[in-house]
């Protein structure tokens, strides 16, 4: 454990969570600055969170999840598992879509399946 300004002790869990957030951000091809804009947080907050130098409030975590297009439960579950399950992240992304966007996605998936089936024949 190392000590932060103000006497707070930084734990390995803080750093692991920060690495997890960084992994989620990078998987989406976002810079810290772009994510900060999507979250309505400062870029410094994103940097500090990724470094594990502070424990974010629930409000900050909700904003972060909004920017990452994840449910809070998905962020925590993937952190606990040490993995980012694609199926959960996909379900979170679809849940945020309008019904029209969901229908377009279903049509795309149907076309994709037909092409895969044709290629296998």
PDB file of N, CA and C in Angstrom:
ATOM      1  N   UNK A   1       0.834  -1.179   0.000  1.00  0.00           N
ATOM      2  CA  UNK A   1       0.000   0.000   0.000  1.00  0.00           C
ATOM      3  C   UNK A   1       0.878   1.240   0.000  1.00  0.00           C
ATOM      4  N   UNK A   2       0.458   2.253  -0.750  1.00  0.00           N
ATOM      5  CA  UNK A   2       1.171   3.524  -0.734  1.00  0.00           C
ATOM      6  C   UNK A   2       0.224   4.604  -0.249  1.00  0.00           C
ATOM      7  N   UNK A   3       0.809   5.672   0.256  1.00  0.00           N
ATOM      8  CA  UNK A   3      -0.025   6.728   0.817  1.00  0.00           C
ATOM      9  C   UNK A   3      -0.179   7.856  -0.188  1.00  0.00           C
ATOM     10  N   UNK A   4      -1.404   8.336  -0.311  1.00  0.00           N
ATOM     11  CA  UNK A   4      -1.735   9.447  -1.188  1.00  0.00           C
ATOM     12  C   UNK A   4      -1.751  10.734  -0.375  1.00  0.00           C
ATOM     13  N   UNK A   5      -1.725  11.887  -1.057  1.00  0.00           N
ATOM     14  CA  UNK A   5      -1.892  13.150  -0.333  1.00  0.00           C
ATOM     15  C   UNK A   5      -3.191  13.116   0.461  1.00  0.00           C
ATOM     16  N   UNK A   6      -3.181  13.667   1.632  1.00  0.00           N
ATOM     17  CA  UNK A   6      -4.364  13.668   2.493  1.00  0.00           C
ATOM     18  C   UNK A   6      -4.436  12.440   3.381  1.00  0.00           C
ATOM     19  N   UNK A   7      -3.421  11.577   3.318  1.00  0.00           N
ATOM     20  CA  UNK A   7      -3.359  10.434   4.225  1.00  0.00           C
ATOM     21  C   UNK A   7      -4.106   9.198   3.763  1.00  0.00           C
ATOM     22  N   UNK A   8      -4.792   9.255   2.617  1.00  0.00           N
ATOM     23  CA  UNK A   8      -5.518   8.091   2.139  1.00  0.00           C
ATOM     24  C   UNK A   8      -4.528   7.061   1.610  1.00  0.00           C
ATOM     25  N   UNK A   9      -4.763   5.809   1.919  1.00  0.00           N
ATOM     26  CA  UNK A   9      -3.885   4.742   1.446  1.00  0.00           C
ATOM     27  C   UNK A   9      -4.434   4.176   0.140  1.00  0.00           C
ATOM     28  N   UNK A  10      -3.561   4.062  -0.834  1.00  0.00           N
ATOM     29  CA  UNK A  10      -3.919   3.485  -2.123  1.00  0.00           C
ATOM     30  C   UNK A  10      -3.672   1.987  -2.041  1.00  0.00           C
ATOM     31  N   UNK A  11      -4.649   1.204  -2.446  1.00  0.00           N
ATOM     32  CA  UNK A  11      -4.531  -0.247  -2.356  1.00  0.00           C
ATOM     33  C   UNK A  11      -4.309  -0.858  -3.733  1.00  0.00           C
ATOM     34  N   UNK A  12      -3.925  -2.114  -3.746  1.00  0.00           N
ATOM     35  CA  UNK A  12      -3.783  -2.842  -5.002  1.00  0.00           C
ATOM     36  C   UNK A  12      -5.102  -2.918  -5.746  1.00  0.00           C
ATOM     37  N   UNK A  13      -6.201  -2.974  -5.005  1.00  0.00           N
ATOM     38  CA  UNK A  13      -7.526  -2.997  -5.633  1.00  0.00           C
ATOM     39  C   UNK A  13      -7.818  -1.723  -6.385  1.00  0.00           C
ATOM     40  N   UNK A  14      -7.374  -0.586  -5.839  1.00  0.00           N
ATOM     41  CA  UNK A  14      -7.553   0.694  -6.534  1.00  0.00           C
ATOM     42  C   UNK A  14      -6.826   0.680  -7.874  1.00  0.00           C
ATOM     43  N   UNK A  15      -5.598   0.197  -7.857  1.00  0.00           N
ATOM     44  CA  UNK A  15      -4.804   0.159  -9.092  1.00  0.00           C
ATOM     45  C   UNK A  15      -5.385  -0.853 -10.084  1.00  0.00           C
ATOM     46  N   UNK A  16      -5.834  -1.992  -9.581  1.00  0.00           N
ATOM     47  CA  UNK A  16      -6.453  -2.997 -10.466  1.00  0.00           C
ATOM     48  C   UNK A  16      -7.710  -2.445 -11.111  1.00  0.00           C
ATOM     49  N   UNK A  17      -8.533  -1.740 -10.297  1.00  0.00           N
ATOM     50  CA  UNK A  17      -9.762  -1.160 -10.850  1.00  0.00           C
ATOM     51  C   UNK A  17      -9.405  -0.106 -11.897  1.00  0.00           C
ATOM     52  N   UNK A  18      -8.381   0.683 -11.624  1.00  0.00           N
ATOM     53  CA  UNK A  18      -7.934   1.680 -12.593  1.00  0.00           C
ATOM     54  C   UNK A  18      -7.494   1.044 -13.905  1.00  0.00           C
ATOM     55  N   UNK A  19      -6.756  -0.064 -13.816  1.00  0.00           N
ATOM     56  CA  UNK A  19      -6.338  -0.780 -15.033  1.00  0.00           C
ATOM     57  C   UNK A  19      -7.547  -1.333 -15.781  1.00  0.00           C
ATOM     58  N   UNK A  20      -8.544  -1.764 -15.021  1.00  0.00           N
ATOM     59  CA  UNK A  20      -9.765  -2.284 -15.632  1.00  0.00           C
ATOM     60  C   UNK A  20     -10.488  -1.173 -16.400  1.00  0.00           C
ATOM     61  N   UNK A  21     -10.611  -0.016 -15.792  1.00  0.00           N
ATOM     62  CA  UNK A  21     -11.256   1.123 -16.458  1.00  0.00           C
ATOM     63  C   UNK A  21     -10.476   1.477 -17.727  1.00  0.00           C
ATOM     64  N   UNK A  22      -9.151   1.509 -17.640  1.00  0.00           N
ATOM     65  CA  UNK A  22      -8.318   1.811 -18.806  1.00  0.00           C
ATOM     66  C   UNK A  22      -8.562   0.789 -19.913  1.00  0.00           C
ATOM     67  N   UNK A  23      -8.656  -0.486 -19.542  1.00  0.00           N
ATOM     68  CA  UNK A  23      -8.908  -1.539 -20.511  1.00  0.00           C
ATOM     69  C   UNK A  23     -10.255  -1.335 -21.210  1.00  0.00           C
ATOM     70  N   UNK A  24     -11.278  -0.995 -20.445  1.00  0.00           N
ATOM     71  CA  UNK A  24     -12.608  -0.738 -21.024  1.00  0.00           C
ATOM     72  C   UNK A  24     -12.556   0.459 -21.972  1.00  0.00           C
ATOM     73  N   UNK A  25     -11.855   1.509 -21.571  1.00  0.00           N
ATOM     74  CA  UNK A  25     -11.741   2.708 -22.413  1.00  0.00           C
ATOM     75  C   UNK A  25     -11.011   2.382 -23.709  1.00  0.00           C
ATOM     76  N   UNK A  26      -9.882   1.707 -23.602  1.00  0.00           N
ATOM     77  CA  UNK A  26      -9.083   1.386 -24.793  1.00  0.00           C
ATOM     78  C   UNK A  26      -9.820   0.436 -25.732  1.00  0.00           C
ATOM     79  N   UNK A  27     -10.594  -0.493 -25.173  1.00  0.00           N
ATOM     80  CA  UNK A  27     -11.358  -1.430 -26.001  1.00  0.00           C
ATOM     81  C   UNK A  27     -12.359  -0.693 -26.888  1.00  0.00           C
ATOM     82  N   UNK A  28     -12.740   0.501 -26.475  1.00  0.00           N
ATOM     83  CA  UNK A  28     -13.681   1.315 -27.244  1.00  0.00           C
ATOM     84  C   UNK A  28     -12.966   2.337 -28.130  1.00  0.00           C
ATOM     85  N   UNK A  29     -11.644   2.309 -28.093  1.00  0.00           N
ATOM     86  CA  UNK A  29     -10.870   3.224 -28.928  1.00  0.00           C
ATOM     87  C   UNK A  29     -10.972   4.676 -28.494  1.00  0.00           C
ATOM     88  N   UNK A  30     -11.197   4.904 -27.197  1.00  0.00           N
ATOM     89  CA  UNK A  30     -11.371   6.265 -26.681  1.00  0.00           C
ATOM     90  C   UNK A  30     -10.104   6.765 -26.007  1.00  0.00           C
ATOM     91  N   UNK A  31      -9.831   8.038 -26.156  1.00  0.00           N
ATOM     92  CA  UNK A  31      -8.778   8.668 -25.364  1.00  0.00           C
ATOM     93  C   UNK A  31      -9.381   9.062 -24.024  1.00  0.00           C
ATOM     94  N   UNK A  32      -8.530   9.392 -23.080  1.00  0.00           N
ATOM     95  CA  UNK A  32      -9.032   9.853 -21.783  1.00  0.00           C
ATOM     96  C   UNK A  32      -9.859  11.119 -21.955  1.00  0.00           C
ATOM     97  N   UNK A  33      -9.440  11.995 -22.845  1.00  0.00           N
ATOM     98  CA  UNK A  33     -10.142  13.255 -23.058  1.00  0.00           C
ATOM     99  C   UNK A  33     -11.528  13.041 -23.663  1.00  0.00           C
ATOM    100  N   UNK A  34     -11.605  12.141 -24.642  1.00  0.00           N
ATOM    101  CA  UNK A  34     -12.896  11.863 -25.262  1.00  0.00           C
ATOM    102  C   UNK A  34     -13.833  11.203 -24.253  1.00  0.00           C
ATOM    103  N   UNK A  35     -13.333  10.230 -23.499  1.00  0.00           N
ATOM    104  CA  UNK A  35     -14.157   9.588 -22.477  1.00  0.00           C
ATOM    105  C   UNK A  35     -14.635  10.610 -21.455  1.00  0.00           C
ATOM    106  N   UNK A  36     -13.753  11.493 -21.046  1.00  0.00           N
ATOM    107  CA  UNK A  36     -14.139  12.533 -20.080  1.00  0.00           C
ATOM    108  C   UNK A  36     -15.309  13.352 -20.613  1.00  0.00           C
ATOM    109  N   UNK A  37     -15.262  13.713 -21.887  1.00  0.00           N
ATOM    110  CA  UNK A  37     -16.357  14.471 -22.487  1.00  0.00           C
ATOM    111  C   UNK A  37     -17.655  13.690 -22.517  1.00  0.00           C
ATOM    112  N   UNK A  38     -17.570  12.405 -22.817  1.00  0.00           N
ATOM    113  CA  UNK A  38     -18.772  11.561 -22.852  1.00  0.00           C
ATOM    114  C   UNK A  38     -19.376  11.375 -21.465  1.00  0.00           C
ATOM    115  N   UNK A  39     -18.505  11.431 -20.445  1.00  0.00           N
ATOM    116  CA  UNK A  39     -18.932  11.177 -19.064  1.00  0.00           C
ATOM    117  C   UNK A  39     -19.329  12.450 -18.323  1.00  0.00           C
ATOM    118  N   UNK A  40     -19.020  13.594 -18.903  1.00  0.00           N
ATOM    119  CA  UNK A  40     -19.181  14.868 -18.198  1.00  0.00           C
ATOM    120  C   UNK A  40     -18.305  14.899 -16.946  1.00  0.00           C
ATOM    121  N   UNK A  41     -17.078  14.388 -17.120  1.00  0.00           N
ATOM    122  CA  UNK A  41     -16.059  14.418 -16.069  1.00  0.00           C
ATOM    123  C   UNK A  41     -14.824  15.095 -16.648  1.00  0.00           C
ATOM    124  N   UNK A  42     -13.913  15.494 -15.802  1.00  0.00           N
ATOM    125  CA  UNK A  42     -12.673  16.088 -16.304  1.00  0.00           C
ATOM    126  C   UNK A  42     -11.713  14.986 -16.747  1.00  0.00           C
ATOM    127  N   UNK A  43     -10.836  15.329 -17.674  1.00  0.00           N
ATOM    128  CA  UNK A  43      -9.812  14.377 -18.111  1.00  0.00           C
ATOM    129  C   UNK A  43      -8.917  14.010 -16.938  1.00  0.00           C
ATOM    130  N   UNK A  44      -8.689  14.950 -16.035  1.00  0.00           N
ATOM    131  CA  UNK A  44      -7.878  14.666 -14.851  1.00  0.00           C
ATOM    132  C   UNK A  44      -8.547  13.606 -13.977  1.00  0.00           C
ATOM    133  N   UNK A  45      -9.861  13.643 -13.870  1.00  0.00           N
ATOM    134  CA  UNK A  45     -10.584  12.632 -13.097  1.00  0.00           C
ATOM    135  C   UNK A  45     -10.384  11.254 -13.718  1.00  0.00           C
ATOM    136  N   UNK A  46     -10.477  11.175 -15.043  1.00  0.00           N
ATOM    137  CA  UNK A  46     -10.266   9.894 -15.727  1.00  0.00           C
ATOM    138  C   UNK A  46      -8.844   9.414 -15.487  1.00  0.00           C
ATOM    139  N   UNK A  47      -7.866  10.300 -15.614  1.00  0.00           N
ATOM    140  CA  UNK A  47      -6.467   9.920 -15.385  1.00  0.00           C
ATOM    141  C   UNK A  47      -6.261   9.406 -13.962  1.00  0.00           C
ATOM    142  N   UNK A  48      -6.771  10.136 -12.988  1.00  0.00           N
ATOM    143  CA  UNK A  48      -6.604   9.732 -11.585  1.00  0.00           C
ATOM    144  C   UNK A  48      -7.306   8.411 -11.305  1.00  0.00           C
ATOM    145  N   UNK A  49      -8.473   8.227 -11.906  1.00  0.00           N
ATOM    146  CA  UNK A  49      -9.204   6.975 -11.712  1.00  0.00           C
ATOM    147  C   UNK A  49      -8.397   5.815 -12.292  1.00  0.00           C
ATOM    148  N   UNK A  50      -7.856   5.998 -13.493  1.00  0.00           N
ATOM    149  CA  UNK A  50      -7.076   4.930 -14.128  1.00  0.00           C
ATOM    150  C   UNK A  50      -5.776   4.653 -13.378  1.00  0.00           C
ATOM    151  N   UNK A  51      -5.245   5.646 -12.713  1.00  0.00           N
ATOM    152  CA  UNK A  51      -4.023   5.452 -11.927  1.00  0.00           C
ATOM    153  C   UNK A  51      -4.332   4.830 -10.570  1.00  0.00           C
ATOM    154  N   UNK A  52      -5.605   4.773 -10.207  1.00  0.00           N
ATOM    155  CA  UNK A  52      -5.990   4.229  -8.908  1.00  0.00           C
ATOM    156  C   UNK A  52      -5.659   5.165  -7.771  1.00  0.00           C
ATOM    157  N   UNK A  53      -5.628   6.474  -8.053  1.00  0.00           N
ATOM    158  CA  UNK A  53      -5.221   7.419  -7.015  1.00  0.00           C
ATOM    159  C   UNK A  53      -6.387   7.992  -6.218  1.00  0.00           C
ATOM    160  N   UNK A  54      -7.617   7.573  -6.523  1.00  0.00           N
ATOM    161  CA  UNK A  54      -8.745   7.969  -5.680  1.00  0.00           C
ATOM    162  C   UNK A  54      -9.874   6.974  -5.849  1.00  0.00           C
ATOM    163  N   UNK A  55     -10.754   6.938  -4.874  1.00  0.00           N
ATOM    164  CA  UNK A  55     -11.928   6.073  -4.943  1.00  0.00           C
ATOM    165  C   UNK A  55     -13.106   6.910  -5.426  1.00  0.00           C
ATOM    166  N   UNK A  56     -13.642   6.591  -6.585  1.00  0.00           N
ATOM    167  CA  UNK A  56     -14.718   7.414  -7.145  1.00  0.00           C
ATOM    168  C   UNK A  56     -16.023   7.246  -6.382  1.00  0.00           C
ATOM    169  N   UNK A  57     -16.821   8.300  -6.402  1.00  0.00           N
ATOM    170  CA  UNK A  57     -18.156   8.251  -5.802  1.00  0.00           C
ATOM    171  C   UNK A  57     -19.081   7.459  -6.720  1.00  0.00           C
ATOM    172  N   UNK A  58     -20.235   7.128  -6.214  1.00  0.00           N
ATOM    173  CA  UNK A  58     -21.231   6.419  -7.015  1.00  0.00           C
ATOM    174  C   UNK A  58     -21.644   7.277  -8.206  1.00  0.00           C
ATOM    175  N   UNK A  59     -21.789   8.580  -7.995  1.00  0.00           N
ATOM    176  CA  UNK A  59     -22.149   9.490  -9.087  1.00  0.00           C
ATOM    177  C   UNK A  59     -21.083   9.456 -10.188  1.00  0.00           C
ATOM    178  N   UNK A  60     -19.806   9.478  -9.801  1.00  0.00           N
ATOM    179  CA  UNK A  60     -18.713   9.420 -10.777  1.00  0.00           C
ATOM    180  C   UNK A  60     -18.742   8.092 -11.525  1.00  0.00           C
ATOM    181  N   UNK A  61     -18.986   7.008 -10.826  1.00  0.00           N
ATOM    182  CA  UNK A  61     -19.058   5.693 -11.479  1.00  0.00           C
ATOM    183  C   UNK A  61     -20.223   5.624 -12.465  1.00  0.00           C
ATOM    184  N   UNK A  62     -21.351   6.213 -12.102  1.00  0.00           N
ATOM    185  CA  UNK A  62     -22.499   6.224 -13.019  1.00  0.00           C
ATOM    186  C   UNK A  62     -22.173   7.019 -14.272  1.00  0.00           C
ATOM    187  N   UNK A  63     -21.518   8.156 -14.100  1.00  0.00           N
ATOM    188  CA  UNK A  63     -21.116   8.959 -15.264  1.00  0.00           C
ATOM    189  C   UNK A  63     -20.113   8.191 -16.127  1.00  0.00           C
ATOM    190  N   UNK A  64     -19.181   7.525 -15.482  1.00  0.00           N
ATOM    191  CA  UNK A  64     -18.187   6.728 -16.205  1.00  0.00           C
ATOM    192  C   UNK A  64     -18.886   5.648 -17.025  1.00  0.00           C
ATOM    193  N   UNK A  65     -19.811   4.941 -16.411  1.00  0.00           N
ATOM    194  CA  UNK A  65     -20.531   3.880 -17.116  1.00  0.00           C
ATOM    195  C   UNK A  65     -21.342   4.429 -18.284  1.00  0.00           C
ATOM    196  N   UNK A  66     -21.906   5.615 -18.113  1.00  0.00           N
ATOM    197  CA  UNK A  66     -22.638   6.241 -19.208  1.00  0.00           C
ATOM    198  C   UNK A  66     -21.702   6.462 -20.397  1.00  0.00           C
ATOM    199  N   UNK A  67     -20.514   6.986 -20.134  1.00  0.00           N
ATOM    200  CA  UNK A  67     -19.548   7.234 -21.190  1.00  0.00           C
ATOM    201  C   UNK A  67     -19.040   5.954 -21.844  1.00  0.00           C
ATOM    202  N   UNK A  68     -18.906   4.905 -21.068  1.00  0.00           N
ATOM    203  CA  UNK A  68     -18.441   3.614 -21.589  1.00  0.00           C
ATOM    204  C   UNK A  68     -19.579   2.787 -22.177  1.00  0.00           C
ATOM    205  N   UNK A  69     -20.806   3.263 -22.008  1.00  0.00           N
ATOM    206  CA  UNK A  69     -22.014   2.558 -22.435  1.00  0.00           C
ATOM    207  C   UNK A  69     -22.096   1.175 -21.803  1.00  0.00           C
ATOM    208  N   UNK A  70     -21.891   1.167 -20.496  1.00  0.00           N
ATOM    209  CA  UNK A  70     -21.982  -0.058 -19.706  1.00  0.00           C
ATOM    210  C   UNK A  70     -22.933   0.155 -18.547  1.00  0.00           C
ATOM    211  N   UNK A  71     -23.540  -0.915 -18.117  1.00  0.00           N
ATOM    212  CA  UNK A  71     -24.286  -0.868 -16.863  1.00  0.00           C
ATOM    213  C   UNK A  71     -23.270  -0.942 -15.730  1.00  0.00           C
ATOM    214  N   UNK A  72     -23.598  -0.349 -14.619  1.00  0.00           N
ATOM    215  CA  UNK A  72     -22.722  -0.384 -13.458  1.00  0.00           C
ATOM    216  C   UNK A  72     -22.442  -1.832 -13.056  1.00  0.00           C
ATOM    217  N   UNK A  73     -23.457  -2.671 -13.117  1.00  0.00           N
ATOM    218  CA  UNK A  73     -23.275  -4.080 -12.747  1.00  0.00           C
ATOM    219  C   UNK A  73     -22.283  -4.776 -13.674  1.00  0.00           C
ATOM    220  N   UNK A  74     -22.282  -4.426 -14.947  1.00  0.00           N
ATOM    221  CA  UNK A  74     -21.341  -5.028 -15.892  1.00  0.00           C
ATOM    222  C   UNK A  74     -19.918  -4.598 -15.578  1.00  0.00           C
ATOM    223  N   UNK A  75     -19.739  -3.319 -15.255  1.00  0.00           N
ATOM    224  CA  UNK A  75     -18.407  -2.826 -14.905  1.00  0.00           C
ATOM    225  C   UNK A  75     -17.860  -3.576 -13.698  1.00  0.00           C
ATOM    226  N   UNK A  76     -18.680  -3.727 -12.663  1.00  0.00           N
ATOM    227  CA  UNK A  76     -18.220  -4.409 -11.453  1.00  0.00           C
ATOM    228  C   UNK A  76     -18.041  -5.915 -11.679  1.00  0.00           C
ATOM    229  N   UNK A  77     -18.966  -6.514 -12.405  1.00  0.00           N
ATOM    230  CA  UNK A  77     -18.847  -7.960 -12.645  1.00  0.00           C
ATOM    231  C   UNK A  77     -17.574  -8.262 -13.424  1.00  0.00           C
ATOM    232  N   UNK A  78     -17.319  -7.487 -14.458  1.00  0.00           N
ATOM    233  CA  UNK A  78     -16.121  -7.748 -15.259  1.00  0.00           C
ATOM    234  C   UNK A  78     -14.852  -7.465 -14.461  1.00  0.00           C
ATOM    235  N   UNK A  79     -14.908  -6.504 -13.549  1.00  0.00           N
ATOM    236  CA  UNK A  79     -13.761  -6.248 -12.675  1.00  0.00           C
ATOM    237  C   UNK A  79     -13.524  -7.435 -11.757  1.00  0.00           C
ATOM    238  N   UNK A  80     -14.575  -7.947 -11.159  1.00  0.00           N
ATOM    239  CA  UNK A  80     -14.445  -9.083 -10.240  1.00  0.00           C
ATOM    240  C   UNK A  80     -13.954 -10.329 -10.959  1.00  0.00           C
ATOM    241  N   UNK A  81     -14.432 -10.547 -12.182  1.00  0.00           N
ATOM    242  CA  UNK A  81     -14.041 -11.731 -12.933  1.00  0.00           C
ATOM    243  C   UNK A  81     -12.657 -11.590 -13.561  1.00  0.00           C
ATOM    244  N   UNK A  82     -12.185 -10.349 -13.661  1.00  0.00           N
ATOM    245  CA  UNK A  82     -10.896 -10.120 -14.313  1.00  0.00           C
ATOM    246  C   UNK A  82     -10.994 -10.261 -15.817  1.00  0.00           C
ATOM    247  N   UNK A  83     -12.187 -10.096 -16.345  1.00  0.00           N
ATOM    248  CA  UNK A  83     -12.430 -10.266 -17.770  1.00  0.00           C
ATOM    249  C   UNK A  83     -13.571  -9.344 -18.173  1.00  0.00           C
ATOM    250  N   UNK A  84     -13.585  -8.966 -19.437  1.00  0.00           N
ATOM    251  CA  UNK A  84     -14.689  -8.163 -19.946  1.00  0.00           C
ATOM    252  C   UNK A  84     -15.527  -9.044 -20.863  1.00  0.00           C
ATOM    253  N   UNK A  85     -16.587  -9.674 -20.331  1.00  0.00           N
ATOM    254  CA  UNK A  85     -17.390 -10.567 -21.167  1.00  0.00           C
ATOM    255  C   UNK A  85     -18.087  -9.782 -22.282  1.00  0.00           C
ATOM    256  N   UNK A  86     -17.751 -10.118 -23.517  1.00  0.00           N
ATOM    257  CA  UNK A  86     -18.317  -9.407 -24.662  1.00  0.00           C
ATOM    258  C   UNK A  86     -19.826  -9.477 -24.725  1.00  0.00           C
ATOM    259  N   UNK A  87     -20.395 -10.595 -24.323  1.00  0.00           N
ATOM    260  CA  UNK A  87     -21.852 -10.735 -24.402  1.00  0.00           C
ATOM    261  C   UNK A  87     -22.558  -9.735 -23.488  1.00  0.00           C
ATOM    262  N   UNK A  88     -22.013  -9.495 -22.295  1.00  0.00           N
ATOM    263  CA  UNK A  88     -22.623  -8.507 -21.388  1.00  0.00           C
ATOM    264  C   UNK A  88     -22.465  -7.094 -21.938  1.00  0.00           C
ATOM    265  N   UNK A  89     -21.285  -6.791 -22.465  1.00  0.00           N
ATOM    266  CA  UNK A  89     -21.064  -5.459 -23.020  1.00  0.00           C
ATOM    267  C   UNK A  89     -21.969  -5.228 -24.223  1.00  0.00           C
ATOM    268  N   UNK A  90     -22.152  -6.257 -25.045  1.00  0.00           N
ATOM    269  CA  UNK A  90     -23.046  -6.142 -26.194  1.00  0.00           C
ATOM    270  C   UNK A  90     -24.489  -5.928 -25.736  1.00  0.00           C
ATOM    271  N   UNK A  91     -24.909  -6.683 -24.733  1.00  0.00           N
ATOM    272  CA  UNK A  91     -26.270  -6.523 -24.203  1.00  0.00           C
ATOM    273  C   UNK A  91     -26.473  -5.110 -23.648  1.00  0.00           C
ATOM    274  N   UNK A  92     -25.457  -4.564 -22.989  1.00  0.00           N
ATOM    275  CA  UNK A  92     -25.560  -3.198 -22.467  1.00  0.00           C
ATOM    276  C   UNK A  92     -25.701  -2.193 -23.606  1.00  0.00           C
ATOM    277  N   UNK A  93     -24.933  -2.387 -24.672  1.00  0.00           N
ATOM    278  CA  UNK A  93     -24.995  -1.470 -25.814  1.00  0.00           C
ATOM    279  C   UNK A  93     -26.362  -1.543 -26.492  1.00  0.00           C
ATOM    280  N   UNK A  94     -26.888  -2.733 -26.666  1.00  0.00           N
ATOM    281  CA  UNK A  94     -28.194  -2.903 -27.307  1.00  0.00           C
ATOM    282  C   UNK A  94     -29.296  -2.293 -26.440  1.00  0.00           C
ATOM    283  N   UNK A  95     -29.178  -2.427 -25.132  1.00  0.00           N
ATOM    284  CA  UNK A  95     -30.206  -1.889 -24.229  1.00  0.00           C
ATOM    285  C   UNK A  95     -30.316  -0.372 -24.336  1.00  0.00           C
ATOM    286  N   UNK A  96     -29.261   0.291 -24.756  1.00  0.00           N
ATOM    287  CA  UNK A  96     -29.273   1.752 -24.887  1.00  0.00           C
ATOM    288  C   UNK A  96     -29.788   2.226 -26.243  1.00  0.00           C
ATOM    289  N   UNK A  97     -30.016   1.290 -27.169  1.00  0.00           N
ATOM    290  CA  UNK A  97     -30.466   1.637 -28.515  1.00  0.00           C
ATOM    291  C   UNK A  97     -31.956   1.917 -28.548  1.00  0.00           C
ATOM    292  N   UNK A  98     -32.348   2.703 -29.527  1.00  0.00           N
ATOM    293  CA  UNK A  98     -33.772   2.919 -29.768  1.00  0.00           C
ATOM    294  C   UNK A  98     -34.340   1.641 -30.398  1.00  0.00           C
ATOM    295  N   UNK A  99     -35.659   1.469 -30.362  1.00  0.00           N
ATOM    296  CA  UNK A  99     -36.244   0.291 -31.025  1.00  0.00           C
ATOM    297  C   UNK A  99     -35.874   0.217 -32.512  1.00  0.00           C
ATOM    298  N   UNK A 100     -35.785   1.355 -33.170  1.00  0.00           N
ATOM    299  CA  UNK A 100     -35.417   1.372 -34.589  1.00  0.00           C
ATOM    300  C   UNK A 100     -33.970   0.888 -34.777  1.00  0.00           C
ATOM    301  N   UNK A 101     -33.068   1.329 -33.904  1.00  0.00           N
ATOM    302  CA  UNK A 101     -31.678   0.884 -33.977  1.00  0.00           C
ATOM    303  C   UNK A 101     -31.565  -0.610 -33.700  1.00  0.00           C
ATOM    304  N   UNK A 102     -32.347  -1.099 -32.739  1.00  0.00           N
ATOM    305  CA  UNK A 102     -32.332  -2.526 -32.436  1.00  0.00           C
ATOM    306  C   UNK A 102     -32.822  -3.337 -33.634  1.00  0.00           C
ATOM    307  N   UNK A 103     -33.855  -2.846 -34.306  1.00  0.00           N
ATOM    308  CA  UNK A 103     -34.377  -3.545 -35.481  1.00  0.00           C
ATOM    309  C   UNK A 103     -33.335  -3.572 -36.594  1.00  0.00           C
ATOM    310  N   UNK A 104     -32.654  -2.457 -36.817  1.00  0.00           N
ATOM    311  CA  UNK A 104     -31.601  -2.404 -37.838  1.00  0.00           C
ATOM    312  C   UNK A 104     -30.474  -3.379 -37.495  1.00  0.00           C
ATOM    313  N   UNK A 105     -30.126  -3.471 -36.225  1.00  0.00           N
ATOM    314  CA  UNK A 105     -29.081  -4.404 -35.803  1.00  0.00           C
ATOM    315  C   UNK A 105     -29.510  -5.847 -36.055  1.00  0.00           C
ATOM    316  N   UNK A 106     -30.752  -6.168 -35.730  1.00  0.00           N
ATOM    317  CA  UNK A 106     -31.265  -7.521 -35.979  1.00  0.00           C
ATOM    318  C   UNK A 106     -31.220  -7.858 -37.472  1.00  0.00           C
ATOM    319  N   UNK A 107     -31.558  -6.901 -38.309  1.00  0.00           N
ATOM    320  CA  UNK A 107     -31.502  -7.125 -39.757  1.00  0.00           C
ATOM    321  C   UNK A 107     -30.059  -7.363 -40.208  1.00  0.00           C
ATOM    322  N   UNK A 108     -29.146  -6.596 -39.653  1.00  0.00           N
ATOM    323  CA  UNK A 108     -27.728  -6.772 -39.974  1.00  0.00           C
ATOM    324  C   UNK A 108     -27.250  -8.165 -39.568  1.00  0.00           C
ATOM    325  N   UNK A 109     -27.623  -8.595 -38.370  1.00  0.00           N
ATOM    326  CA  UNK A 109     -27.209  -9.919 -37.883  1.00  0.00           C
ATOM    327  C   UNK A 109     -27.793 -11.011 -38.772  1.00  0.00           C
ATOM    328  N   UNK A 110     -29.028 -10.849 -39.218  1.00  0.00           N
ATOM    329  CA  UNK A 110     -29.647 -11.842 -40.102  1.00  0.00           C
ATOM    330  C   UNK A 110     -28.879 -11.939 -41.416  1.00  0.00           C
ATOM    331  N   UNK A 111     -28.503 -10.801 -41.992  1.00  0.00           N
ATOM    332  CA  UNK A 111     -27.718 -10.790 -43.233  1.00  0.00           C
ATOM    333  C   UNK A 111     -26.361 -11.459 -43.000  1.00  0.00           C
ATOM    334  N   UNK A 112     -25.740 -11.139 -41.891  1.00  0.00           N
ATOM    335  CA  UNK A 112     -24.442 -11.723 -41.556  1.00  0.00           C
ATOM    336  C   UNK A 112     -24.537 -13.243 -41.453  1.00  0.00           C
ATOM    337  N   UNK A 113     -25.565 -13.731 -40.776  1.00  0.00           N
ATOM    338  CA  UNK A 113     -25.754 -15.186 -40.642  1.00  0.00           C
ATOM    339  C   UNK A 113     -25.960 -15.840 -42.005  1.00  0.00           C
ATOM    340  N   UNK A 114     -26.745 -15.205 -42.873  1.00  0.00           N
ATOM    341  CA  UNK A 114     -26.974 -15.772 -44.214  1.00  0.00           C
ATOM    342  C   UNK A 114     -25.654 -15.876 -44.977  1.00  0.00           C
ATOM    343  N   UNK A 115     -24.834 -14.845 -44.889  1.00  0.00           N
ATOM    344  CA  UNK A 115     -23.552 -14.869 -45.602  1.00  0.00           C
ATOM    345  C   UNK A 115     -22.612 -15.947 -45.055  1.00  0.00           C
ATOM    346  N   UNK A 116     -22.603 -16.098 -43.746  1.00  0.00           N
ATOM    347  CA  UNK A 116     -21.768 -17.150 -43.142  1.00  0.00           C
ATOM    348  C   UNK A 116     -22.262 -18.514 -43.585  1.00  0.00           C
ATOM    349  N   UNK A 117     -23.590 -18.702 -43.584  1.00  0.00           N
ATOM    350  CA  UNK A 117     -24.146 -19.990 -44.028  1.00  0.00           C
ATOM    351  C   UNK A 117     -23.816 -20.267 -45.488  1.00  0.00           C
ATOM    352  N   UNK A 118     -23.876 -19.236 -46.341  1.00  0.00           N
ATOM    353  CA  UNK A 118     -23.556 -19.407 -47.762  1.00  0.00           C
ATOM    354  C   UNK A 118     -22.082 -19.765 -47.930  1.00  0.00           C
ATOM    355  N   UNK A 119     -21.210 -19.145 -47.166  1.00  0.00           N
ATOM    356  CA  UNK A 119     -19.780 -19.426 -47.261  1.00  0.00           C
ATOM    357  C   UNK A 119     -19.439 -20.840 -46.814  1.00  0.00           C
ATOM    358  N   UNK A 120     -20.240 -21.415 -45.919  1.00  0.00           N
ATOM    359  CA  UNK A 120     -19.983 -22.755 -45.424  1.00  0.00           C
ATOM    360  C   UNK A 120     -20.500 -23.831 -46.363  1.00  0.00           C
ATOM    361  N   UNK A 121     -21.388 -23.448 -47.262  1.00  0.00           N
ATOM    362  CA  UNK A 121     -21.947 -24.444 -48.210  1.00  0.00           C
ATOM    363  C   UNK A 121     -21.042 -24.713 -49.355  1.00  0.00           C
TER     364      UNK A 121
END
